[in-house]
C-alpha atoms as a PDB file:
ATOM      1  CA  MET A   1    -111.492 -69.420 -17.192  1.00  0.00           C
ATOM      2  CA  LYS A   2    -110.265 -67.482 -20.165  1.00  0.00           C
ATOM      3  CA  ILE A   3    -109.964 -64.269 -18.070  1.00  0.00           C
ATOM      4  CA  LYS A   4    -108.045 -66.059 -15.337  1.00  0.00           C
ATOM      5  CA  GLY A   5    -105.632 -67.521 -18.007  1.00  0.00           C
ATOM      6  CA  MET A   6    -105.033 -64.124 -19.364  1.00  0.00           C
ATOM      7  CA  SER A   7    -104.486 -62.598 -16.002  1.00  0.00           C
ATOM      8  CA  PHE A   8    -102.036 -65.380 -15.235  1.00  0.00           C
ATOM      9  CA  LYS A   9    -100.105 -64.839 -18.432  1.00  0.00           C
ATOM     10  CA  LEU A  10    -100.082 -60.990 -17.823  1.00  0.00           C
ATOM     11  CA  VAL A  11     -98.794 -61.523 -14.238  1.00  0.00           C
ATOM     12  CA  LEU A  12     -95.959 -63.919 -15.623  1.00  0.00           C
ATOM     13  CA  ILE A  13     -94.971 -61.474 -18.258  1.00  0.00           C
ATOM     14  CA  LEU A  14     -94.741 -58.590 -15.825  1.00  0.00           C
ATOM     15  CA  SER A  15     -92.843 -60.786 -13.407  1.00  0.00           C
ATOM     16  CA  LEU A  16     -90.306 -61.853 -16.060  1.00  0.00           C
ATOM     17  CA  SER A  17     -90.108 -58.232 -17.278  1.00  0.00           C
ATOM     18  CA  ILE A  18     -89.294 -56.909 -13.799  1.00  0.00           C
ATOM     19  CA  LEU A  19     -86.690 -59.786 -13.350  1.00  0.00           C
ATOM     20  CA  ILE A  20     -85.008 -58.962 -16.706  1.00  0.00           C
ATOM     21  CA  PHE A  21     -85.052 -55.332 -15.863  1.00  0.00           C
ATOM     22  CA  GLY A  22     -83.529 -55.862 -12.426  1.00  0.00           C
ATOM     23  CA  MET A  23     -80.762 -58.103 -13.800  1.00  0.00           C
ATOM     24  CA  THR A  24     -80.007 -55.492 -16.482  1.00  0.00           C
ATOM     25  CA  PHE A  25     -79.783 -52.617 -14.006  1.00  0.00           C
ATOM     26  CA  THR A  26     -77.563 -54.706 -11.631  1.00  0.00           C
ATOM     27  CA  GLY A  27     -75.134 -55.616 -14.491  1.00  0.00           C
ATOM     28  CA  CYS A  28     -75.067 -52.025 -15.487  1.00  0.00           C
ATOM     29  CA  PHE A  29     -74.346 -50.864 -12.101  1.00  0.00           C
ATOM     30  CA  LYS A  30     -71.574 -53.397 -11.714  1.00  0.00           C
ATOM     31  CA  ALA A  31     -70.178 -52.448 -15.032  1.00  0.00           C
ATOM     32  CA  GLU A  32     -70.183 -48.743 -14.027  1.00  0.00           C
ATOM     33  CA  SER A  33     -68.677 -49.279 -10.557  1.00  0.00           C
ATOM     34  CA  PRO A  34     -65.217 -50.374 -11.835  1.00  0.00           C
ATOM     35  CA  ALA A  35     -64.983 -47.341 -13.953  1.00  0.00           C
ATOM     36  CA  VAL A  36     -65.460 -45.183 -11.064  1.00  0.00           C
ATOM     37  CA  GLY A  37     -63.002 -46.971  -8.975  1.00  0.00           C
ATOM     38  CA  GLU A  38     -60.429 -46.620 -11.797  1.00  0.00           C
ATOM     39  CA  GLY A  39     -61.106 -43.031 -11.848  1.00  0.00           C
ATOM     40  CA  ASP A  40     -60.645 -42.721  -8.049  1.00  0.00           C
ATOM     41  CA  VAL A  41     -57.447 -44.688  -8.409  1.00  0.00           C
ATOM     42  CA  ILE A  42     -56.207 -42.486 -11.292  1.00  0.00           C
ATOM     43  CA  SER A  43     -57.134 -39.362  -9.383  1.00  0.00           C
ATOM     44  CA  ARG A  44     -55.317 -40.578  -6.349  1.00  0.00           C
ATOM     45  CA  ASP A  45     -52.291 -41.525  -8.362  1.00  0.00           C
ATOM     46  CA  SER A  46     -52.298 -38.064 -10.000  1.00  0.00           C
ATOM     47  CA  ALA A  47     -52.639 -36.306  -6.732  1.00  0.00           C
ATOM     48  CA  GLU A  48     -49.815 -38.326  -5.232  1.00  0.00           C
ATOM     49  CA  THR A  49     -47.644 -37.562  -8.402  1.00  0.00           C
ATOM     50  CA  GLU A  50     -48.380 -33.865  -8.036  1.00  0.00           C
ATOM     51  CA  VAL A  51     -47.452 -33.909  -4.308  1.00  0.00           C
ATOM     52  CA  ALA A  52     -44.324 -35.818  -5.255  1.00  0.00           C
ATOM     53  CA  GLU A  53     -43.409 -33.236  -7.864  1.00  0.00           C
ATOM     54  CA  GLU A  54     -44.185 -30.347  -5.592  1.00  0.00           C
ATOM     55  CA  ALA A  55     -41.967 -31.989  -2.895  1.00  0.00           C
ATOM     56  CA  LEU A  56     -39.164 -32.440  -5.503  1.00  0.00           C
ATOM     57  CA  ALA A  57     -39.515 -28.874  -6.675  1.00  0.00           C
ATOM     58  CA  VAL A  58     -39.446 -27.675  -3.021  1.00  0.00           C
ATOM     59  CA  ASP A  59     -36.351 -29.684  -2.429  1.00  0.00           C
ATOM     60  CA  GLU A  60     -34.702 -28.217  -5.520  1.00  0.00           C
ATOM     61  CA  ILE A  61     -35.697 -24.738  -4.536  1.00  0.00           C
ATOM     62  CA  ALA A  62     -34.286 -25.469  -0.961  1.00  0.00           C
ATOM     63  CA  GLY A  63     -31.058 -26.879  -2.495  1.00  0.00           C
ATOM     64  CA  GLU A  64     -30.607 -23.915  -4.781  1.00  0.00           C
ATOM     65  CA  THR A  65     -31.239 -21.602  -1.876  1.00  0.00           C
ATOM     66  CA  ALA A  66     -28.745 -23.550   0.314  1.00  0.00           C
ATOM     67  CA  VAL A  67     -26.230 -23.311  -2.541  1.00  0.00           C
ATOM     68  CA  GLU A  68     -26.812 -19.557  -3.046  1.00  0.00           C
ATOM     69  CA  GLU A  69     -26.544 -19.013   0.764  1.00  0.00           C
ATOM     70  CA  GLU A  70     -23.352 -21.032   0.869  1.00  0.00           C
ATOM     71  CA  ALA A  71     -22.079 -18.973  -2.164  1.00  0.00           C
ATOM     72  CA  ALA A  72     -22.968 -15.832  -0.468  1.00  0.00           C
ATOM     73  CA  ALA A  73     -21.353 -16.965   2.811  1.00  0.00           C
ATOM     74  CA  ASP A  74     -18.213 -17.649   0.888  1.00  0.00           C
ATOM     75  CA  THR A  75     -18.185 -14.370  -0.725  1.00  0.00           C
ATOM     76  CA  GLU A  76     -18.752 -12.635   2.522  1.00  0.00           C
ATOM     77  CA  ILE A  77     -15.892 -14.697   4.042  1.00  0.00           C
ATOM     78  CA  GLN A  78     -13.682 -13.714   1.174  1.00  0.00           C
ATOM     79  CA  TYR A  79     -14.587 -10.010   1.634  1.00  0.00           C
ATOM     80  CA  GLY A  80     -14.088 -10.351   5.241  1.00  0.00           C
ATOM     81  CA  GLU A  81     -10.734 -11.850   4.680  1.00  0.00           C
ATOM     82  CA  VAL A  82      -9.735  -8.914   2.580  1.00  0.00           C
ATOM     83  CA  LEU A  83     -10.687  -6.519   5.226  1.00  0.00           C
ATOM     84  CA  VAL A  84      -9.155  -8.401   8.036  1.00  0.00           C
ATOM     85  CA  ALA A  85      -5.970  -9.229   6.119  1.00  0.00           C
ATOM     86  CA  GLY A  86      -5.649  -5.738   5.047  1.00  0.00           C
ATOM     87  CA  ASP A  87      -4.873  -6.603   1.455  1.00  0.00           C
ATOM     88  CA  ARG A  88      -3.681  -3.050   0.809  1.00  0.00           C
ATOM     89  CA  LYS A  89      -0.265  -1.785  -0.192  1.00  0.00           C
ATOM     90  CA  VAL A  90       0.993   0.636   2.418  1.00  0.00           C
ATOM     91  CA  ILE A  91       4.368   2.178   2.664  1.00  0.00           C
ATOM     92  CA  LYS A  92       5.446   2.585   6.342  1.00  0.00           C
ATOM     93  CA  ASN A  93       8.108   4.825   7.623  1.00  0.00           C
ATOM     94  CA  VAL A  94       8.972   5.730  11.170  1.00  0.00           C
ATOM     95  CA  TYR A  95      11.531   8.011  12.802  1.00  0.00           C
ATOM     96  CA  ILE A  96      12.703   7.662  16.290  1.00  0.00           C
ATOM     97  CA  GLU A  97      15.138   9.510  18.530  1.00  0.00           C
ATOM     98  CA  LEU A  98      16.955   7.579  21.421  1.00  0.00           C
ATOM     99  CA  GLU A  99      19.082   8.662  24.159  1.00  0.00           C
ATOM    100  CA  ILE A 100      21.397   5.822  25.065  1.00  0.00           C
ATOM    101  CA  GLU A 101      23.798   5.387  28.044  1.00  0.00           C
ATOM    102  CA  GLU A 102      27.172   6.955  28.029  1.00  0.00           C
ATOM    103  CA  GLY A 103      29.790   4.798  26.170  1.00  0.00           C
ATOM    104  CA  LYS A 104      27.193   2.609  24.584  1.00  0.00           C
ATOM    105  CA  PHE A 105      27.199   4.254  21.109  1.00  0.00           C
ATOM    106  CA  GLU A 106      29.247   1.803  19.169  1.00  0.00           C
ATOM    107  CA  SER A 107      27.629  -1.279  20.900  1.00  0.00           C
ATOM    108  CA  THR A 108      24.056   0.119  20.129  1.00  0.00           C
ATOM    109  CA  LEU A 109      25.094   0.735  16.401  1.00  0.00           C
ATOM    110  CA  PHE A 110      26.206  -2.964  16.229  1.00  0.00           C
ATOM    111  CA  GLU A 111      23.100  -4.062  17.805  1.00  0.00           C
ATOM    112  CA  LEU A 112      20.813  -2.242  15.521  1.00  0.00           C
ATOM    113  CA  THR A 113      22.769  -3.528  12.440  1.00  0.00           C
ATOM    114  CA  ASN A 114      22.418  -7.204  13.780  1.00  0.00           C
ATOM    115  CA  LEU A 115      18.728  -6.707  14.463  1.00  0.00           C
ATOM    116  CA  ALA A 116      18.067  -5.723  10.803  1.00  0.00           C
ATOM    117  CA  GLU A 117      20.060  -8.544   9.308  1.00  0.00           C
ATOM    118  CA  GLN A 118      18.807 -11.280  11.576  1.00  0.00           C
ATOM    119  CA  ASN A 119      15.350 -10.476  10.789  1.00  0.00           C
ATOM    120  CA  GLY A 120      15.762 -10.544   6.988  1.00  0.00           C
ATOM    121  CA  GLY A 121      16.381  -6.786   6.624  1.00  0.00           C
ATOM    122  CA  PHE A 122      19.450  -4.624   5.849  1.00  0.00           C
ATOM    123  CA  VAL A 123      21.086  -1.119   6.638  1.00  0.00           C
ATOM    124  CA  SER A 124      20.482   1.315   3.809  1.00  0.00           C
ATOM    125  CA  ASN A 125      22.368   4.270   5.496  1.00  0.00           C
ATOM    126  CA  SER A 126      24.309   5.244   8.563  1.00  0.00           C
ATOM    127  CA  GLN A 127      26.360   8.033   9.806  1.00  0.00           C
ATOM    128  CA  SER A 128      28.107   9.120  13.186  1.00  0.00           C
ATOM    129  CA  SER A 129      29.808  11.973  14.630  1.00  0.00           C
ATOM    130  CA  SER A 130      32.323  12.478  17.453  1.00  0.00           C
ATOM    131  CA  ASP A 131      32.655  14.873  20.394  1.00  0.00           C
ATOM    132  CA  SER A 132      35.362  17.413  21.118  1.00  0.00           C
ATOM    133  CA  GLU A 133      37.500  14.555  22.502  1.00  0.00           C
ATOM    134  CA  GLY A 134      37.231  12.379  19.410  1.00  0.00           C
ATOM    135  CA  ASN A 135      34.800   9.852  20.837  1.00  0.00           C
ATOM    136  CA  LEU A 136      31.762   8.648  18.736  1.00  0.00           C
ATOM    137  CA  THR A 137      28.805   9.838  20.794  1.00  0.00           C
ATOM    138  CA  SER A 138      25.922  10.292  18.281  1.00  0.00           C
ATOM    139  CA  GLY A 139      24.686   9.244  14.889  1.00  0.00           C
ATOM    140  CA  SER A 140      21.903   7.888  12.920  1.00  0.00           C
ATOM    141  CA  ILE A 141      20.982   4.631  11.039  1.00  0.00           C
ATOM    142  CA  THR A 142      18.256   3.704   8.537  1.00  0.00           C
ATOM    143  CA  ILE A 143      17.140   0.078   8.470  1.00  0.00           C
ATOM    144  CA  ARG A 144      14.845  -1.693   6.127  1.00  0.00           C
ATOM    145  CA  ILE A 145      12.882  -4.623   7.475  1.00  0.00           C
ATOM    146  CA  PRO A 146      10.146  -6.867   6.349  1.00  0.00           C
ATOM    147  CA  SER A 147       6.710  -5.284   6.871  1.00  0.00           C
ATOM    148  CA  ASN A 148       5.220  -8.245   8.729  1.00  0.00           C
ATOM    149  CA  LYS A 149       7.954  -7.699  11.424  1.00  0.00           C
ATOM    150  CA  TYR A 150       7.603  -3.963  11.591  1.00  0.00           C
ATOM    151  CA  SER A 151       5.951  -3.789  15.044  1.00  0.00           C
ATOM    152  CA  SER A 152       8.101  -6.345  16.847  1.00  0.00           C
ATOM    153  CA  ILE A 153      11.288  -4.781  15.583  1.00  0.00           C
ATOM    154  CA  LEU A 154      10.148  -1.254  16.317  1.00  0.00           C
ATOM    155  CA  ASN A 155       9.503  -2.272  19.987  1.00  0.00           C
ATOM    156  CA  LYS A 156      12.990  -3.823  20.275  1.00  0.00           C
ATOM    157  CA  VAL A 157      14.373  -0.611  18.945  1.00  0.00           C
ATOM    158  CA  LYS A 158      12.542   1.361  21.811  1.00  0.00           C
ATOM    159  CA  GLU A 159      14.074  -0.807  24.426  1.00  0.00           C
ATOM    160  CA  MET A 160      17.639   0.151  23.461  1.00  0.00           C
ATOM    161  CA  GLY A 161      17.324   3.518  25.076  1.00  0.00           C
ATOM    162  CA  LYS A 162      15.141   6.370  26.267  1.00  0.00           C
ATOM    163  CA  VAL A 163      12.788   7.530  23.606  1.00  0.00           C
ATOM    164  CA  LYS A 164      13.101  11.248  23.217  1.00  0.00           C
ATOM    165  CA  SER A 165      10.676  11.668  20.182  1.00  0.00           C
ATOM    166  CA  THR A 166       8.919   9.647  17.406  1.00  0.00           C
ATOM    167  CA  SER A 167       7.070   9.989  14.324  1.00  0.00           C
ATOM    168  CA  GLY A 168       5.544   7.713  11.688  1.00  0.00           C
ATOM    169  CA  SER A 169       3.690   7.771   8.464  1.00  0.00           C
ATOM    170  CA  GLY A 170       1.860   5.355   6.121  1.00  0.00           C
ATOM    171  CA  GLN A 171       1.347   5.952   2.417  1.00  0.00           C
ATOM    172  CA  ASP A 172      -1.397   3.922   0.781  1.00  0.00           C
ATOM    173  CA  VAL A 173      -0.468   3.132  -2.704  1.00  0.00           C
ATOM    174  CA  THR A 174      -3.182   0.552  -3.529  1.00  0.00           C
ATOM    175  CA  GLN A 175      -5.139   2.742  -5.962  1.00  0.00           C
ATOM    176  CA  GLU A 176      -1.876   3.623  -7.891  1.00  0.00           C
ATOM    177  CA  TYR A 177      -0.922  -0.136  -7.945  1.00  0.00           C
ATOM    178  CA  THR A 178      -4.323  -1.102  -9.272  1.00  0.00           C
ATOM    179  CA  ASP A 179      -4.073   1.577 -12.048  1.00  0.00           C
ATOM    180  CA  LEU A 180      -0.670   0.268 -13.000  1.00  0.00           C
ATOM    181  CA  GLU A 181      -1.986  -3.327 -13.182  1.00  0.00           C
ATOM    182  CA  SER A 182      -4.908  -2.204 -15.468  1.00  0.00           C
ATOM    183  CA  ARG A 183      -2.559  -0.285 -17.733  1.00  0.00           C
ATOM    184  CA  LEU A 184      -0.188  -3.315 -17.833  1.00  0.00           C
ATOM    185  CA  ARG A 185      -3.027  -5.566 -18.960  1.00  0.00           C
ATOM    186  CA  ASN A 186      -4.142  -3.094 -21.663  1.00  0.00           C
ATOM    187  CA  TYR A 187      -0.540  -2.704 -23.059  1.00  0.00           C
ATOM    188  CA  LYS A 188       0.019  -6.425 -23.002  1.00  0.00           C
ATOM    189  CA  ALA A 189      -3.279  -6.875 -25.051  1.00  0.00           C
ATOM    190  CA  GLN A 190      -1.998  -4.226 -27.579  1.00  0.00           C
ATOM    191  CA  GLU A 191       1.392  -6.093 -27.675  1.00  0.00           C
ATOM    192  CA  GLU A 192      -0.313  -9.298 -28.746  1.00  0.00           C
ATOM    193  CA  VAL A 193      -2.281  -7.616 -31.449  1.00  0.00           C
ATOM    194  CA  LEU A 194       0.717  -6.032 -32.834  1.00  0.00           C
ATOM    195  CA  LEU A 195       2.776  -9.129 -32.739  1.00  0.00           C
ATOM    196  CA  ASP A 196      -0.041 -10.860 -34.685  1.00  0.00           C
ATOM    197  CA  LEU A 197      -0.183  -8.001 -37.177  1.00  0.00           C
ATOM    198  CA  MET A 198       3.560  -8.222 -37.656  1.00  0.00           C
ATOM    199  CA  LYS A 199       3.233 -11.904 -38.433  1.00  0.00           C
ATOM    200  CA  GLU A 200       0.639 -11.157 -41.021  1.00  0.00           C
ATOM    201  CA  SER A 201       2.243  -8.000 -42.598  1.00  0.00           C
ATOM    202  CA  LYS A 202       3.580  -8.695 -46.034  1.00  0.00           C
ATOM    203  CA  LYS A 203       4.974  -5.192 -46.904  1.00  0.00           C
ATOM    204  CA  VAL A 204       8.310  -4.098 -45.318  1.00  0.00           C
ATOM    205  CA  SER A 205       6.588  -0.484 -44.824  1.00  0.00           C
ATOM    206  CA  ASP A 206       3.858  -2.242 -42.829  1.00  0.00           C
ATOM    207  CA  SER A 207       6.264  -4.183 -40.709  1.00  0.00           C
ATOM    208  CA  LEU A 208       8.332  -1.120 -39.850  1.00  0.00           C
ATOM    209  CA  GLU A 209       5.119   0.820 -38.734  1.00  0.00           C
ATOM    210  CA  VAL A 210       4.035  -2.081 -36.656  1.00  0.00           C
ATOM    211  CA  GLN A 211       7.672  -2.413 -35.310  1.00  0.00           C
ATOM    212  CA  ARG A 212       7.531   1.304 -34.175  1.00  0.00           C
ATOM    213  CA  GLU A 213       4.140   0.940 -32.482  1.00  0.00           C
ATOM    214  CA  LEU A 214       5.349  -2.289 -30.763  1.00  0.00           C
ATOM    215  CA  SER A 215       8.436  -0.713 -29.486  1.00  0.00           C
ATOM    216  CA  VAL A 216       6.416   2.205 -27.826  1.00  0.00           C
ATOM    217  CA  VAL A 217       4.131  -0.409 -26.243  1.00  0.00           C
ATOM    218  CA  GLN A 218       6.958  -2.580 -24.941  1.00  0.00           C
ATOM    219  CA  GLU A 219       8.703   0.519 -23.488  1.00  0.00           C
ATOM    220  CA  GLN A 220       5.605   1.449 -21.710  1.00  0.00           C
ATOM    221  CA  ILE A 221       5.238  -2.156 -20.303  1.00  0.00           C
ATOM    222  CA  GLU A 222       8.816  -1.959 -19.034  1.00  0.00           C
ATOM    223  CA  ILE A 223       8.177   1.368 -17.285  1.00  0.00           C
ATOM    224  CA  ILE A 224       5.076   0.094 -15.548  1.00  0.00           C
ATOM    225  CA  LYS A 225       6.861  -3.070 -14.441  1.00  0.00           C
ATOM    226  CA  GLY A 226       9.644  -0.942 -13.014  1.00  0.00           C
ATOM    227  CA  ARG A 227       7.275   1.137 -11.232  1.00  0.00           C
ATOM    228  CA  MET A 228       5.227  -1.769  -9.748  1.00  0.00           C
ATOM    229  CA  GLN A 229       8.420  -3.504  -8.560  1.00  0.00           C
ATOM    230  CA  TYR A 230       9.648  -0.238  -6.930  1.00  0.00           C
ATOM    231  CA  LEU A 231       6.292  -0.072  -5.044  1.00  0.00           C
ATOM    232  CA  ASP A 232       6.539  -3.738  -4.210  1.00  0.00           C
ATOM    233  CA  ASP A 233       9.874  -3.134  -2.638  1.00  0.00           C
ATOM    234  CA  LEU A 234       8.696  -0.077  -0.665  1.00  0.00           C
ATOM    235  CA  VAL A 235       5.628  -2.011   0.583  1.00  0.00           C
ATOM    236  CA  SER A 236       7.392  -5.287   1.526  1.00  0.00           C
ATOM    237  CA  PHE A 237      10.153  -3.536   3.459  1.00  0.00           C
ATOM    238  CA  SER A 238       9.337  -0.809   6.000  1.00  0.00           C
ATOM    239  CA  THR A 239      11.681   1.958   6.878  1.00  0.00           C
ATOM    240  CA  ILE A 240      12.876   2.819  10.407  1.00  0.00           C
ATOM    241  CA  ASP A 241      15.144   5.829  10.890  1.00  0.00           C
ATOM    242  CA  VAL A 242      16.954   5.928  14.252  1.00  0.00           C
ATOM    243  CA  PHE A 243      18.854   8.854  15.583  1.00  0.00           C
ATOM    244  CA  PHE A 244      20.499   7.856  18.860  1.00  0.00           C
ATOM    245  CA  HIS A 245      23.034   9.785  20.899  1.00  0.00           C
ATOM    246  CA  GLU A 246      24.654   9.726  24.437  1.00  0.00           C
ATOM    247  CA  PRO A 247      23.654  12.210  27.204  1.00  0.00           C
ATOM    248  CA  GLU A 248      25.044  15.672  26.505  1.00  0.00           C
ATOM    249  CA  PRO A 249      27.705  16.621  29.036  1.00  0.00           C
ATOM    250  CA  ILE A 250      26.790  19.333  31.537  1.00  0.00           C
ATOM    251  CA  THR A 251      29.197  22.299  31.515  1.00  0.00           C
ATOM    252  CA  VAL A 252      29.375  24.591  34.501  1.00  0.00           C
ATOM    253  CA  ALA A 253      30.885  28.179  33.776  1.00  0.00           C
ATOM    254  CA  GLY A 254      33.678  29.243  36.191  1.00  0.00           C
ATOM    255  CA  TRP A 255      33.660  32.527  38.133  1.00  0.00           C
ATOM    256  CA  GLY A 256      37.209  32.834  39.341  1.00  0.00           C
ATOM    257  CA  PHE A 257      40.005  35.441  38.351  1.00  0.00           C
ATOM    258  CA  VAL A 258      41.876  32.861  36.238  1.00  0.00           C
ATOM    259  CA  GLU A 259      38.746  32.087  34.256  1.00  0.00           C
ATOM    260  CA  ALA A 260      37.971  35.796  33.729  1.00  0.00           C
ATOM    261  CA  LEU A 261      41.465  36.316  32.540  1.00  0.00           C
ATOM    262  CA  LYS A 262      41.275  33.642  30.041  1.00  0.00           C
ATOM    263  CA  ARG A 263      38.046  34.846  28.627  1.00  0.00           C
ATOM    264  CA  GLY A 264      39.519  38.375  28.414  1.00  0.00           C
ATOM    265  CA  LEU A 265      42.637  37.042  26.615  1.00  0.00           C
ATOM    266  CA  ARG A 266      40.326  35.139  24.203  1.00  0.00           C
ATOM    267  CA  GLY A 267      38.391  38.203  23.585  1.00  0.00           C
ATOM    268  CA  ALA A 268      41.490  40.342  23.026  1.00  0.00           C
ATOM    269  CA  VAL A 269      42.945  37.817  20.636  1.00  0.00           C
ATOM    270  CA  ASN A 270      39.654  37.566  18.761  1.00  0.00           C
ATOM    271  CA  VAL A 271      39.570  41.434  18.406  1.00  0.00           C
ATOM    272  CA  PHE A 272      43.155  41.574  17.278  1.00  0.00           C
ATOM    273  CA  ASN A 273      42.410  38.765  14.690  1.00  0.00           C
ATOM    274  CA  GLY A 274      39.465  40.723  13.498  1.00  0.00           C
ATOM    275  CA  LEU A 275      41.518  43.943  13.074  1.00  0.00           C
ATOM    276  CA  VAL A 276      44.219  42.003  11.168  1.00  0.00           C
ATOM    277  CA  VAL A 277      41.600  40.530   8.909  1.00  0.00           C
ATOM    278  CA  ILE A 278      39.940  44.056   8.278  1.00  0.00           C
ATOM    279  CA  LEU A 279      43.482  45.612   7.437  1.00  0.00           C
ATOM    280  CA  ILE A 280      44.222  42.785   5.097  1.00  0.00           C
ATOM    281  CA  ILE A 281      40.873  43.075   3.297  1.00  0.00           C
ATOM    282  CA  THR A 282      41.219  46.980   3.014  1.00  0.00           C
ATOM    283  CA  SER A 283      45.087  47.092   2.344  1.00  0.00           C
ATOM    284  CA  PRO A 284      44.542  48.194  -1.267  1.00  0.00           C
ATOM    285  CA  VAL A 285      42.508  51.100  -0.120  1.00  0.00           C
ATOM    286  CA  TRP A 286      45.176  52.123   2.323  1.00  0.00           C
ATOM    287  CA  ILE A 287      47.886  51.777  -0.247  1.00  0.00           C
ATOM    288  CA  LEU A 288      46.046  54.060  -2.716  1.00  0.00           C
ATOM    289  CA  ILE A 289      45.522  56.632   0.044  1.00  0.00           C
ATOM    290  CA  GLY A 290      49.143  56.539   0.914  1.00  0.00           C
ATOM    291  CA  ILE A 291      50.263  57.042  -2.744  1.00  0.00           C
ATOM    292  CA  ILE A 292      47.822  60.052  -2.987  1.00  0.00           C
ATOM    293  CA  LEU A 293      49.228  61.517   0.303  1.00  0.00           C
ATOM    294  CA  LEU A 294      52.795  61.046  -0.953  1.00  0.00           C
ATOM    295  CA  ILE A 295      52.046  62.825  -4.134  1.00  0.00           C
ATOM    296  CA  VAL A 296      50.472  65.756  -2.400  1.00  0.00           C
ATOM    297  CA  TRP A 297      53.311  65.984   0.036  1.00  0.00           C
ATOM    298  CA  ARG A 298      55.944  66.163  -2.786  1.00  0.00           C
ATOM    299  CA  VAL A 299      53.750  68.852  -4.649  1.00  0.00           C
ATOM    300  CA  ILE A 300      53.637  71.018  -1.576  1.00  0.00           C
ATOM    301  CA  LYS A 301      57.326  70.515  -0.869  1.00  0.00           C
ATOM    302  CA  ALA A 302      58.125  71.572  -4.467  1.00  0.00           C
ATOM    303  CA  ARG A 303      56.248  74.689  -4.226  1.00  0.00           C
ATOM    304  CA  LYS A 304      57.792  75.656  -0.993  1.00  0.00           C
ATOM    305  CA  ARG A 305      61.311  75.321  -2.678  1.00  0.00           C
ATOM    306  CA  ARG A 306      60.296  77.464  -5.552  1.00  0.00           C
ATOM    307  CA  ARG A 307      59.001  80.276  -3.180  1.00  0.00           C
ATOM    308  CA  ALA A 308      62.198  80.154  -1.228  1.00  0.00           C
ATOM    309  CA  GLY A 309      64.323  80.388  -4.421  1.00  0.00           C
ATOM    310  CA  LYS A 310      62.346  83.407  -5.705  1.00  0.00           C
ATOM    311  CA  GLU A 311      62.657  85.140  -2.323  1.00  0.00           C
ATOM    312  CA  GLN A 312      66.417  84.719  -2.264  1.00  0.00           C
ATOM    313  CA  LYS A 313      66.788  86.346  -5.705  1.00  0.00           C
END
């Protein structure tokens, strides 16, 4: 009986131990499971945060790239505009010779003058000449017109008559103008420094020295400004030189007796006029020769008289 009681107690103790161990193991497993879940949530949140940050970074990079591409596109457009607009300073000159209809010289001159003035230009020079009968038949005119109307006005000038010859030239002064601008900025900077030094100078000698340097700098500034204004005027107004004339008359030489006689008389008169001119020019020489001959003749005559007197004695 004692052995059976001990076996029963042993089995009971083992059962209780297994039950306690199982409950403890289950509690530990439950306690550890939430920790693992929280880790998974943290890992998932971290992964999502990293993905969001990467997406934001990608968006920022894409935005910067778009801004850079837009800026580059603007730069290209500006550069293209400079090339297309031809932002260069070119002095344009053209010479054209026109043959106009007979009797249309004065009207053509008036038309050219109006063409320049109506388009914001002006006439800088003009001259004319007449034929043997006193009629104005040929001349030239120089007009200055705005450069943006150069082609249209030139075409209108060509329509006024028959173009006999034409020539044009273009002088690019962009480099010279850019150099002048750079020099002007440098001299203005020097002018500001010298003005500040003049305000700070306390001695009369220092003020005079600064004043001398300042006058030199200001003189250079005025020279550069004058040159730039001159170039601006030449660039903004193109020059068109027009020489126009009526058709030259066709002369037919006559072959009759009267015409030959006229030519002969003209030739004789020309020869006579030439001889008269030669005699007038050489008259001092002929007078001197005449005086010498007269002296020689008197000497010879005097000798003959003396010989005749001796022979009579």
